[in-house]
């Protein structure tokens, strides 16, 4: 009760959050990024040998299909580190594929 006789509204305790495990999370993200970059690059290179347009289409369709699920899981405590690794690995692999494709011209 306040000094003027009015009641304060009930204020529950704030939700407790564990500290963010930066070292473990960054380690997981880097390892997943390396694995994802190797997988996407090797798959993209194999598809590019068949036809370059096929490689681009398959990569775009796969990324577009996985994006809604990744967006939904982005706030989950453990999955966010894995998703950060997946996203950065895909970007690294696509960059390497573009550089490799341009250098072969």
Protein backbone atom coordinates (compact mmCIF):
# COMPACT_ATOMS: atom_id res chain seq x y z
CA UNK A 1 0.00 0.00 0.00
CA UNK A 2 1.29 3.43 -0.91
CA UNK A 3 1.42 6.46 1.38
CA UNK A 4 -1.73 7.93 -0.17
CA UNK A 5 -3.77 4.77 0.56
CA UNK A 6 -3.81 3.41 -3.00
CA UNK A 7 -2.82 -0.15 -3.64
CA UNK A 8 0.01 -1.00 -6.02
CA UNK A 9 -0.74 -3.53 -8.72
CA UNK A 10 0.68 -7.00 -8.26
CA UNK A 11 4.10 -7.27 -9.85
CA UNK A 12 5.36 -10.82 -10.26
CA UNK A 13 9.03 -11.60 -10.09
CA UNK A 14 10.78 -11.14 -13.43
CA UNK A 15 11.53 -14.32 -15.33
CA UNK A 16 14.97 -15.64 -14.43
CA UNK A 17 17.27 -16.24 -17.38
CA UNK A 18 20.48 -18.20 -17.21
CA UNK A 19 23.57 -16.39 -18.43
CA UNK A 20 24.30 -16.87 -22.11
CA UNK A 21 26.95 -19.57 -22.68
CA UNK A 22 29.03 -17.58 -25.17
CA UNK A 23 32.08 -19.87 -25.32
CA UNK A 24 30.10 -23.05 -25.86
CA UNK A 25 27.66 -21.36 -28.22
CA UNK A 26 30.31 -19.82 -30.44
CA UNK A 27 32.15 -23.14 -30.55
CA UNK A 28 28.99 -24.92 -31.67
CA UNK A 29 28.24 -22.22 -34.25
CA UNK A 30 31.75 -22.38 -35.73
CA UNK A 31 31.75 -26.18 -35.95
CA UNK A 32 28.31 -26.26 -37.56
CA UNK A 33 29.34 -23.48 -39.96
CA UNK A 34 32.41 -25.45 -41.09
CA UNK A 35 30.40 -28.63 -41.62
CA UNK A 36 27.61 -26.81 -43.41
CA UNK A 37 30.00 -24.88 -45.65
CA UNK A 38 31.77 -28.08 -46.67
CA UNK A 39 28.49 -29.86 -47.39
CA UNK A 40 26.87 -27.04 -49.34
CA UNK A 41 30.03 -26.30 -51.31
CA UNK A 42 30.64 -29.91 -52.32
CA UNK A 43 26.98 -30.46 -53.21
CA UNK A 44 26.84 -27.20 -55.16
CA UNK A 45 30.05 -28.00 -57.02
CA UNK A 46 28.76 -31.45 -57.99
CA UNK A 47 25.50 -29.95 -59.24
CA UNK A 48 27.35 -27.23 -61.13
CA UNK A 49 29.21 -29.91 -63.08
CA UNK A 50 25.83 -31.17 -64.29
CA UNK A 51 24.47 -27.70 -65.02
CA UNK A 52 25.15 -24.35 -63.27
CA UNK A 53 21.49 -23.29 -63.34
CA UNK A 54 20.54 -26.54 -61.63
CA UNK A 55 22.99 -25.79 -58.81
CA UNK A 56 21.56 -22.32 -58.29
CA UNK A 57 17.94 -23.50 -58.36
CA UNK A 58 18.48 -26.41 -55.97
CA UNK A 59 20.37 -24.18 -53.50
CA UNK A 60 17.69 -21.48 -53.59
CA UNK A 61 14.85 -23.98 -53.19
CA UNK A 62 16.61 -25.71 -50.27
CA UNK A 63 17.32 -22.41 -48.53
CA UNK A 64 13.79 -21.14 -49.15
CA UNK A 65 12.28 -24.33 -47.77
CA UNK A 66 14.40 -24.34 -44.62
CA UNK A 67 13.99 -20.65 -43.83
CA UNK A 68 10.50 -20.78 -42.19
CA UNK A 69 11.57 -23.52 -39.76
CA UNK A 70 14.82 -21.73 -38.96
CA UNK A 71 12.95 -18.48 -38.35
CA UNK A 72 10.61 -20.23 -35.91
CA UNK A 73 13.50 -21.81 -33.96
CA UNK A 74 15.68 -18.69 -33.79
CA UNK A 75 14.83 -17.92 -30.15
CA UNK A 76 15.23 -21.47 -28.80
CA UNK A 77 18.26 -21.40 -26.49
CA UNK A 78 20.36 -24.19 -28.02
CA UNK A 79 18.98 -24.14 -31.55
CA UNK A 80 19.89 -20.49 -32.07
CA UNK A 81 23.61 -21.35 -31.99
CA UNK A 82 23.13 -24.19 -34.45
CA UNK A 83 21.05 -21.95 -36.72
CA UNK A 84 23.69 -19.23 -36.61
CA UNK A 85 26.25 -21.80 -37.73
CA UNK A 86 23.98 -23.09 -40.48
CA UNK A 87 23.28 -19.61 -41.82
CA UNK A 88 26.90 -18.52 -41.78
CA UNK A 89 28.02 -21.82 -43.32
CA UNK A 90 25.56 -21.45 -46.18
CA UNK A 91 26.69 -17.88 -46.81
CA UNK A 92 30.36 -18.95 -46.78
CA UNK A 93 29.69 -21.84 -49.16
CA UNK A 94 27.66 -19.70 -51.55
CA UNK A 95 30.43 -17.09 -51.56
CA UNK A 96 33.02 -19.78 -52.32
CA UNK A 97 30.81 -21.21 -55.08
CA UNK A 98 30.40 -17.79 -56.67
CA UNK A 99 34.15 -17.13 -56.50
CA UNK A 100 34.92 -20.59 -57.94
CA UNK A 101 32.35 -20.09 -60.69
CA UNK A 102 33.67 -16.67 -61.64
CA UNK A 103 37.27 -17.83 -61.63
CA UNK A 104 36.47 -20.62 -64.09
CA UNK A 105 35.12 -18.19 -66.70
